[in-house]
Amino acid sequence: RQALDLSLKMLRYSLEVTLVTFGAAISACEKAVQWEAALDWLFAAASCGLKRDTVMHSAAASSCEKAARWSEALSVLAAL
């Protein structure tokens, strides 16, 4: 939701949208235990046409794990 809005704004202002950008955002969410935001960023990456990588999935799964959201963590890992 918010992640997709932000990524669309980045595109609108001609800011480069890369795996690094999304990976950094997901890592920040992981450290802050913001599992929902991490998943938003992960799905927004796909919406922007980026091929999500193992690092992004791992960080999102770790964020879910830290919040004891086991089902979500397993779903993220299963999508690899």
PDB file of N, CA and C in Angstrom:
ATOM      1  N   ARG A   1       0.824  -1.182   0.000  1.00  0.00           N
ATOM      2  CA  ARG A   1       0.000   0.000   0.000  1.00  0.00           C
ATOM      3  C   ARG A   1       0.866   1.243   0.000  1.00  0.00           C
ATOM      4  N   GLN A   2       1.438   1.594   1.139  1.00  0.00           N
ATOM      5  CA  GLN A   2       2.302   2.770   1.205  1.00  0.00           C
ATOM      6  C   GLN A   2       3.563   2.566   0.381  1.00  0.00           C
ATOM      7  N   ALA A   3       4.065   1.348   0.392  1.00  0.00           N
ATOM      8  CA  ALA A   3       5.281   1.066  -0.366  1.00  0.00           C
ATOM      9  C   ALA A   3       5.028   1.235  -1.861  1.00  0.00           C
ATOM     10  N   LEU A   4       3.881   0.768  -2.311  1.00  0.00           N
ATOM     11  CA  LEU A   4       3.560   0.914  -3.722  1.00  0.00           C
ATOM     12  C   LEU A   4       3.385   2.388  -4.069  1.00  0.00           C
ATOM     13  N   ASP A   5       2.708   3.140  -3.195  1.00  0.00           N
ATOM     14  CA  ASP A   5       2.550   4.578  -3.424  1.00  0.00           C
ATOM     15  C   ASP A   5       3.910   5.264  -3.517  1.00  0.00           C
ATOM     16  N   LEU A   6       4.809   4.919  -2.616  1.00  0.00           N
ATOM     17  CA  LEU A   6       6.136   5.530  -2.627  1.00  0.00           C
ATOM     18  C   LEU A   6       6.908   5.141  -3.881  1.00  0.00           C
ATOM     19  N   SER A   7       6.814   3.889  -4.274  1.00  0.00           N
ATOM     20  CA  SER A   7       7.541   3.467  -5.469  1.00  0.00           C
ATOM     21  C   SER A   7       6.978   4.154  -6.713  1.00  0.00           C
ATOM     22  N   LEU A   8       5.670   4.367  -6.761  1.00  0.00           N
ATOM     23  CA  LEU A   8       5.078   5.093  -7.882  1.00  0.00           C
ATOM     24  C   LEU A   8       5.536   6.550  -7.904  1.00  0.00           C
ATOM     25  N   LYS A   9       5.655   7.154  -6.724  1.00  0.00           N
ATOM     26  CA  LYS A   9       6.177   8.522  -6.646  1.00  0.00           C
ATOM     27  C   LYS A   9       7.622   8.568  -7.130  1.00  0.00           C
ATOM     28  N   MET A  10       8.391   7.550  -6.782  1.00  0.00           N
ATOM     29  CA  MET A  10       9.780   7.497  -7.236  1.00  0.00           C
ATOM     30  C   MET A  10       9.827   7.470  -8.759  1.00  0.00           C
ATOM     31  N   LEU A  11       8.950   6.675  -9.344  1.00  0.00           N
ATOM     32  CA  LEU A  11       8.903   6.604 -10.801  1.00  0.00           C
ATOM     33  C   LEU A  11       8.468   7.939 -11.398  1.00  0.00           C
ATOM     34  N   ARG A  12       7.498   8.575 -10.767  1.00  0.00           N
ATOM     35  CA  ARG A  12       6.985   9.846 -11.264  1.00  0.00           C
ATOM     36  C   ARG A  12       8.071  10.917 -11.279  1.00  0.00           C
ATOM     37  N   TYR A  13       8.930  10.902 -10.284  1.00  0.00           N
ATOM     38  CA  TYR A  13      10.000  11.897 -10.193  1.00  0.00           C
ATOM     39  C   TYR A  13      11.291  11.426 -10.844  1.00  0.00           C
ATOM     40  N   SER A  14      11.184  10.370 -11.629  1.00  0.00           N
ATOM     41  CA  SER A  14      12.312   9.812 -12.382  1.00  0.00           C
ATOM     42  C   SER A  14      13.449   9.331 -11.483  1.00  0.00           C
ATOM     43  N   LEU A  15      13.114   8.917 -10.273  1.00  0.00           N
ATOM     44  CA  LEU A  15      14.121   8.316  -9.399  1.00  0.00           C
ATOM     45  C   LEU A  15      14.243   6.847  -9.780  1.00  0.00           C
ATOM     46  N   GLU A  16      15.438   6.344  -9.734  1.00  0.00           N
ATOM     47  CA  GLU A  16      15.678   4.972 -10.155  1.00  0.00           C
ATOM     48  C   GLU A  16      15.090   3.985  -9.150  1.00  0.00           C
ATOM     49  N   VAL A  17      14.277   3.104  -9.658  1.00  0.00           N
ATOM     50  CA  VAL A  17      13.677   2.053  -8.842  1.00  0.00           C
ATOM     51  C   VAL A  17      14.442   0.775  -9.160  1.00  0.00           C
ATOM     52  N   THR A  18      15.189   0.278  -8.165  1.00  0.00           N
ATOM     53  CA  THR A  18      16.037  -0.890  -8.379  1.00  0.00           C
ATOM     54  C   THR A  18      15.818  -1.917  -7.280  1.00  0.00           C
ATOM     55  N   LEU A  19      16.396  -3.081  -7.497  1.00  0.00           N
ATOM     56  CA  LEU A  19      16.374  -4.105  -6.448  1.00  0.00           C
ATOM     57  C   LEU A  19      17.052  -3.600  -5.188  1.00  0.00           C
ATOM     58  N   VAL A  20      18.092  -2.795  -5.350  1.00  0.00           N
ATOM     59  CA  VAL A  20      18.808  -2.252  -4.190  1.00  0.00           C
ATOM     60  C   VAL A  20      17.886  -1.357  -3.376  1.00  0.00           C
ATOM     61  N   THR A  21      17.120  -0.503  -4.052  1.00  0.00           N
ATOM     62  CA  THR A  21      16.180   0.389  -3.368  1.00  0.00           C
ATOM     63  C   THR A  21      15.189  -0.412  -2.543  1.00  0.00           C
ATOM     64  N   PHE A  22      14.573  -1.390  -3.190  1.00  0.00           N
ATOM     65  CA  PHE A  22      13.574  -2.189  -2.492  1.00  0.00           C
ATOM     66  C   PHE A  22      14.206  -3.074  -1.425  1.00  0.00           C
ATOM     67  N   GLY A  23      15.372  -3.624  -1.712  1.00  0.00           N
ATOM     68  CA  GLY A  23      16.065  -4.440  -0.720  1.00  0.00           C
ATOM     69  C   GLY A  23      16.408  -3.656   0.529  1.00  0.00           C
ATOM     70  N   ALA A  24      16.855  -2.409   0.349  1.00  0.00           N
ATOM     71  CA  ALA A  24      17.181  -1.557   1.497  1.00  0.00           C
ATOM     72  C   ALA A  24      15.929  -1.251   2.309  1.00  0.00           C
ATOM     73  N   ALA A  25      14.824  -1.000   1.632  1.00  0.00           N
ATOM     74  CA  ALA A  25      13.571  -0.716   2.337  1.00  0.00           C
ATOM     75  C   ALA A  25      13.102  -1.935   3.125  1.00  0.00           C
ATOM     76  N   ILE A  26      13.196  -3.106   2.521  1.00  0.00           N
ATOM     77  CA  ILE A  26      12.780  -4.334   3.214  1.00  0.00           C
ATOM     78  C   ILE A  26      13.693  -4.606   4.400  1.00  0.00           C
ATOM     79  N   SER A  27      14.991  -4.380   4.248  1.00  0.00           N
ATOM     80  CA  SER A  27      15.930  -4.566   5.358  1.00  0.00           C
ATOM     81  C   SER A  27      15.633  -3.615   6.511  1.00  0.00           C
ATOM     82  N   ALA A  28      15.295  -2.374   6.179  1.00  0.00           N
ATOM     83  CA  ALA A  28      14.939  -1.408   7.221  1.00  0.00           C
ATOM     84  C   ALA A  28      13.688  -1.864   7.967  1.00  0.00           C
ATOM     85  N   CYS A  29      12.720  -2.387   7.225  1.00  0.00           N
ATOM     86  CA  CYS A  29      11.506  -2.907   7.862  1.00  0.00           C
ATOM     87  C   CYS A  29      11.828  -4.104   8.745  1.00  0.00           C
ATOM     88  N   GLU A  30      12.743  -4.945   8.297  1.00  0.00           N
ATOM     89  CA  GLU A  30      13.157  -6.109   9.092  1.00  0.00           C
ATOM     90  C   GLU A  30      13.743  -5.660  10.426  1.00  0.00           C
ATOM     91  N   LYS A  31      14.636  -4.686  10.376  1.00  0.00           N
ATOM     92  CA  LYS A  31      15.281  -4.214  11.604  1.00  0.00           C
ATOM     93  C   LYS A  31      14.290  -3.564  12.560  1.00  0.00           C
ATOM     94  N   ALA A  32      13.254  -2.936  12.003  1.00  0.00           N
ATOM     95  CA  ALA A  32      12.242  -2.274  12.821  1.00  0.00           C
ATOM     96  C   ALA A  32      11.077  -3.209  13.160  1.00  0.00           C
ATOM     97  N   VAL A  33      11.180  -4.471  12.740  1.00  0.00           N
ATOM     98  CA  VAL A  33      10.145  -5.489  12.945  1.00  0.00           C
ATOM     99  C   VAL A  33       8.794  -4.994  12.416  1.00  0.00           C
ATOM    100  N   GLN A  34       8.834  -4.424  11.254  1.00  0.00           N
ATOM    101  CA  GLN A  34       7.622  -3.963  10.575  1.00  0.00           C
ATOM    102  C   GLN A  34       7.285  -4.959   9.468  1.00  0.00           C
ATOM    103  N   TRP A  35       6.797  -6.130   9.872  1.00  0.00           N
ATOM    104  CA  TRP A  35       6.609  -7.224   8.936  1.00  0.00           C
ATOM    105  C   TRP A  35       5.607  -6.886   7.834  1.00  0.00           C
ATOM    106  N   GLU A  36       4.537  -6.149   8.166  1.00  0.00           N
ATOM    107  CA  GLU A  36       3.553  -5.815   7.136  1.00  0.00           C
ATOM    108  C   GLU A  36       4.153  -4.900   6.084  1.00  0.00           C
ATOM    109  N   ALA A  37       4.937  -3.928   6.525  1.00  0.00           N
ATOM    110  CA  ALA A  37       5.586  -3.013   5.584  1.00  0.00           C
ATOM    111  C   ALA A  37       6.608  -3.764   4.733  1.00  0.00           C
ATOM    112  N   ALA A  38       7.318  -4.711   5.338  1.00  0.00           N
ATOM    113  CA  ALA A  38       8.287  -5.506   4.581  1.00  0.00           C
ATOM    114  C   ALA A  38       7.592  -6.270   3.462  1.00  0.00           C
ATOM    115  N   LEU A  39       6.442  -6.850   3.766  1.00  0.00           N
ATOM    116  CA  LEU A  39       5.691  -7.576   2.741  1.00  0.00           C
ATOM    117  C   LEU A  39       5.156  -6.618   1.683  1.00  0.00           C
ATOM    118  N   ASP A  40       4.721  -5.435   2.111  1.00  0.00           N
ATOM    119  CA  ASP A  40       4.265  -4.428   1.142  1.00  0.00           C
ATOM    120  C   ASP A  40       5.372  -4.093   0.148  1.00  0.00           C
ATOM    121  N   TRP A  41       6.584  -3.875   0.674  1.00  0.00           N
ATOM    122  CA  TRP A  41       7.718  -3.555  -0.208  1.00  0.00           C
ATOM    123  C   TRP A  41       8.037  -4.722  -1.132  1.00  0.00           C
ATOM    124  N   LEU A  42       7.979  -5.939  -0.602  1.00  0.00           N
ATOM    125  CA  LEU A  42       8.274  -7.114  -1.410  1.00  0.00           C
ATOM    126  C   LEU A  42       7.295  -7.224  -2.580  1.00  0.00           C
ATOM    127  N   PHE A  43       6.005  -7.047  -2.295  1.00  0.00           N
ATOM    128  CA  PHE A  43       5.005  -7.151  -3.350  1.00  0.00           C
ATOM    129  C   PHE A  43       5.053  -5.945  -4.285  1.00  0.00           C
ATOM    130  N   ALA A  44       5.398  -4.783  -3.760  1.00  0.00           N
ATOM    131  CA  ALA A  44       5.515  -3.588  -4.601  1.00  0.00           C
ATOM    132  C   ALA A  44       6.643  -3.749  -5.614  1.00  0.00           C
ATOM    133  N   ALA A  45       7.705  -4.427  -5.226  1.00  0.00           N
ATOM    134  CA  ALA A  45       8.810  -4.660  -6.155  1.00  0.00           C
ATOM    135  C   ALA A  45       8.320  -5.413  -7.386  1.00  0.00           C
ATOM    136  N   ALA A  46       7.513  -6.419  -7.158  1.00  0.00           N
ATOM    137  CA  ALA A  46       6.962  -7.182  -8.286  1.00  0.00           C
ATOM    138  C   ALA A  46       6.029  -6.307  -9.108  1.00  0.00           C
ATOM    139  N   SER A  47       5.255  -5.458  -8.454  1.00  0.00           N
ATOM    140  CA  SER A  47       4.344  -4.565  -9.162  1.00  0.00           C
ATOM    141  C   SER A  47       5.082  -3.572 -10.047  1.00  0.00           C
ATOM    142  N   CYS A  48       6.314  -3.263  -9.679  1.00  0.00           N
ATOM    143  CA  CYS A  48       7.135  -2.346 -10.476  1.00  0.00           C
ATOM    144  C   CYS A  48       7.911  -3.077 -11.561  1.00  0.00           C
ATOM    145  N   GLY A  49       7.685  -4.377 -11.680  1.00  0.00           N
ATOM    146  CA  GLY A  49       8.341  -5.143 -12.723  1.00  0.00           C
ATOM    147  C   GLY A  49       9.728  -5.638 -12.366  1.00  0.00           C
ATOM    148  N   LEU A  50      10.073  -5.554 -11.085  1.00  0.00           N
ATOM    149  CA  LEU A  50      11.385  -6.032 -10.658  1.00  0.00           C
ATOM    150  C   LEU A  50      11.301  -7.508 -10.284  1.00  0.00           C
ATOM    151  N   LYS A  51      12.338  -8.250 -10.619  1.00  0.00           N
ATOM    152  CA  LYS A  51      12.404  -9.653 -10.233  1.00  0.00           C
ATOM    153  C   LYS A  51      12.972  -9.718  -8.812  1.00  0.00           C
ATOM    154  N   ARG A  52      12.130 -10.135  -7.882  1.00  0.00           N
ATOM    155  CA  ARG A  52      12.551 -10.204  -6.480  1.00  0.00           C
ATOM    156  C   ARG A  52      13.618 -11.264  -6.308  1.00  0.00           C
ATOM    157  N   ASP A  53      14.604 -10.972  -5.460  1.00  0.00           N
ATOM    158  CA  ASP A  53      15.713 -11.901  -5.286  1.00  0.00           C
ATOM    159  C   ASP A  53      15.676 -12.568  -3.916  1.00  0.00           C
ATOM    160  N   THR A  54      16.624 -13.458  -3.707  1.00  0.00           N
ATOM    161  CA  THR A  54      16.700 -14.221  -2.458  1.00  0.00           C
ATOM    162  C   THR A  54      16.913 -13.318  -1.257  1.00  0.00           C
ATOM    163  N   VAL A  55      17.729 -12.277  -1.408  1.00  0.00           N
ATOM    164  CA  VAL A  55      18.003 -11.364  -0.293  1.00  0.00           C
ATOM    165  C   VAL A  55      16.720 -10.673   0.154  1.00  0.00           C
ATOM    166  N   MET A  56      15.917 -10.210  -0.796  1.00  0.00           N
ATOM    167  CA  MET A  56      14.660  -9.537  -0.464  1.00  0.00           C
ATOM    168  C   MET A  56      13.701 -10.491   0.248  1.00  0.00           C
ATOM    169  N   HIS A  57      13.578 -11.702  -0.284  1.00  0.00           N
ATOM    170  CA  HIS A  57      12.690 -12.692   0.339  1.00  0.00           C
ATOM    171  C   HIS A  57      13.174 -13.041   1.749  1.00  0.00           C
ATOM    172  N   SER A  58      14.466 -13.210   1.900  1.00  0.00           N
ATOM    173  CA  SER A  58      15.012 -13.570   3.214  1.00  0.00           C
ATOM    174  C   SER A  58      14.772 -12.474   4.243  1.00  0.00           C
ATOM    175  N   ALA A  59      14.973 -11.225   3.845  1.00  0.00           N
ATOM    176  CA  ALA A  59      14.761 -10.111   4.770  1.00  0.00           C
ATOM    177  C   ALA A  59      13.288  -9.997   5.148  1.00  0.00           C
ATOM    178  N   ALA A  60      12.402 -10.169   4.173  1.00  0.00           N
ATOM    179  CA  ALA A  60      10.969 -10.108   4.464  1.00  0.00           C
ATOM    180  C   ALA A  60      10.556 -11.265   5.375  1.00  0.00           C
ATOM    181  N   ALA A  61      11.066 -12.460   5.101  1.00  0.00           N
ATOM    182  CA  ALA A  61      10.755 -13.616   5.946  1.00  0.00           C
ATOM    183  C   ALA A  61      11.295 -13.414   7.353  1.00  0.00           C
ATOM    184  N   SER A  62      12.489 -12.845   7.468  1.00  0.00           N
ATOM    185  CA  SER A  62      13.081 -12.580   8.774  1.00  0.00           C
ATOM    186  C   SER A  62      12.254 -11.571   9.561  1.00  0.00           C
ATOM    187  N   SER A  63      11.725 -10.585   8.864  1.00  0.00           N
ATOM    188  CA  SER A  63      10.869  -9.601   9.526  1.00  0.00           C
ATOM    189  C   SER A  63       9.623 -10.283  10.086  1.00  0.00           C
ATOM    190  N   CYS A  64       9.035 -11.176   9.308  1.00  0.00           N
ATOM    191  CA  CYS A  64       7.876 -11.932   9.783  1.00  0.00           C
ATOM    192  C   CYS A  64       8.249 -12.816  10.967  1.00  0.00           C
ATOM    193  N   GLU A  65       9.407 -13.444  10.866  1.00  0.00           N
ATOM    194  CA  GLU A  65       9.874 -14.333  11.942  1.00  0.00           C
ATOM    195  C   GLU A  65      10.062 -13.559  13.245  1.00  0.00           C
ATOM    196  N   LYS A  66      10.641 -12.377  13.173  1.00  0.00           N
ATOM    197  CA  LYS A  66      10.875 -11.575  14.373  1.00  0.00           C
ATOM    198  C   LYS A  66       9.579 -11.145  15.037  1.00  0.00           C
ATOM    199  N   ALA A  67       8.508 -11.059  14.239  1.00  0.00           N
ATOM    200  CA  ALA A  67       7.196 -10.684  14.772  1.00  0.00           C
ATOM    201  C   ALA A  67       6.351 -11.921  15.088  1.00  0.00           C
ATOM    202  N   ALA A  68       6.972 -13.101  15.017  1.00  0.00           N
ATOM    203  CA  ALA A  68       6.297 -14.375  15.277  1.00  0.00           C
ATOM    204  C   ALA A  68       5.135 -14.602  14.319  1.00  0.00           C
ATOM    205  N   ARG A  69       5.294 -14.147  13.081  1.00  0.00           N
ATOM    206  CA  ARG A  69       4.305 -14.360  12.026  1.00  0.00           C
ATOM    207  C   ARG A  69       4.801 -15.511  11.160  1.00  0.00           C
ATOM    208  N   TRP A  70       4.713 -16.718  11.720  1.00  0.00           N
ATOM    209  CA  TRP A  70       5.323 -17.885  11.112  1.00  0.00           C
ATOM    210  C   TRP A  70       4.697 -18.251   9.774  1.00  0.00           C
ATOM    211  N   SER A  71       3.396 -18.182   9.686  1.00  0.00           N
ATOM    212  CA  SER A  71       2.713 -18.526   8.441  1.00  0.00           C
ATOM    213  C   SER A  71       3.156 -17.611   7.298  1.00  0.00           C
ATOM    214  N   GLU A  72       3.241 -16.320   7.590  1.00  0.00           N
ATOM    215  CA  GLU A  72       3.675 -15.362   6.578  1.00  0.00           C
ATOM    216  C   GLU A  72       5.128 -15.601   6.184  1.00  0.00           C
ATOM    217  N   ALA A  73       5.969 -15.896   7.184  1.00  0.00           N
ATOM    218  CA  ALA A  73       7.385 -16.166   6.900  1.00  0.00           C
ATOM    219  C   ALA A  73       7.527 -17.370   5.973  1.00  0.00           C
ATOM    220  N   LEU A  74       6.795 -18.419   6.256  1.00  0.00           N
ATOM    221  CA  LEU A  74       6.862 -19.619   5.422  1.00  0.00           C
ATOM    222  C   LEU A  74       6.323 -19.352   4.012  1.00  0.00           C
ATOM    223  N   SER A  75       5.295 -18.528   3.912  1.00  0.00           N
ATOM    224  CA  SER A  75       4.749 -18.185   2.590  1.00  0.00           C
ATOM    225  C   SER A  75       5.761 -17.427   1.751  1.00  0.00           C
ATOM    226  N   VAL A  76       6.486 -16.501   2.398  1.00  0.00           N
ATOM    227  CA  VAL A  76       7.502 -15.737   1.684  1.00  0.00           C
ATOM    228  C   VAL A  76       8.605 -16.673   1.187  1.00  0.00           C
ATOM    229  N   LEU A  77       9.039 -17.572   2.037  1.00  0.00           N
ATOM    230  CA  LEU A  77      10.103 -18.494   1.652  1.00  0.00           C
ATOM    231  C   LEU A  77       9.633 -19.464   0.571  1.00  0.00           C
ATOM    232  N   ALA A  78       8.373 -19.859   0.642  1.00  0.00           N
ATOM    233  CA  ALA A  78       7.842 -20.781  -0.364  1.00  0.00           C
ATOM    234  C   ALA A  78       7.769 -20.114  -1.744  1.00  0.00           C
ATOM    235  N   ALA A  79       7.700 -18.806  -1.766  1.00  0.00           N
ATOM    236  CA  ALA A  79       7.606 -18.074  -3.044  1.00  0.00           C
ATOM    237  C   ALA A  79       8.945 -17.939  -3.744  1.00  0.00           C
ATOM    238  N   LEU A  80      10.032 -18.382  -3.104  1.00  0.00           N
ATOM    239  CA  LEU A  80      11.347 -18.270  -3.722  1.00  0.00           C
ATOM    240  C   LEU A  80      11.463 -19.077  -4.979  1.00  0.00           C
TER     241      LEU A  80
END
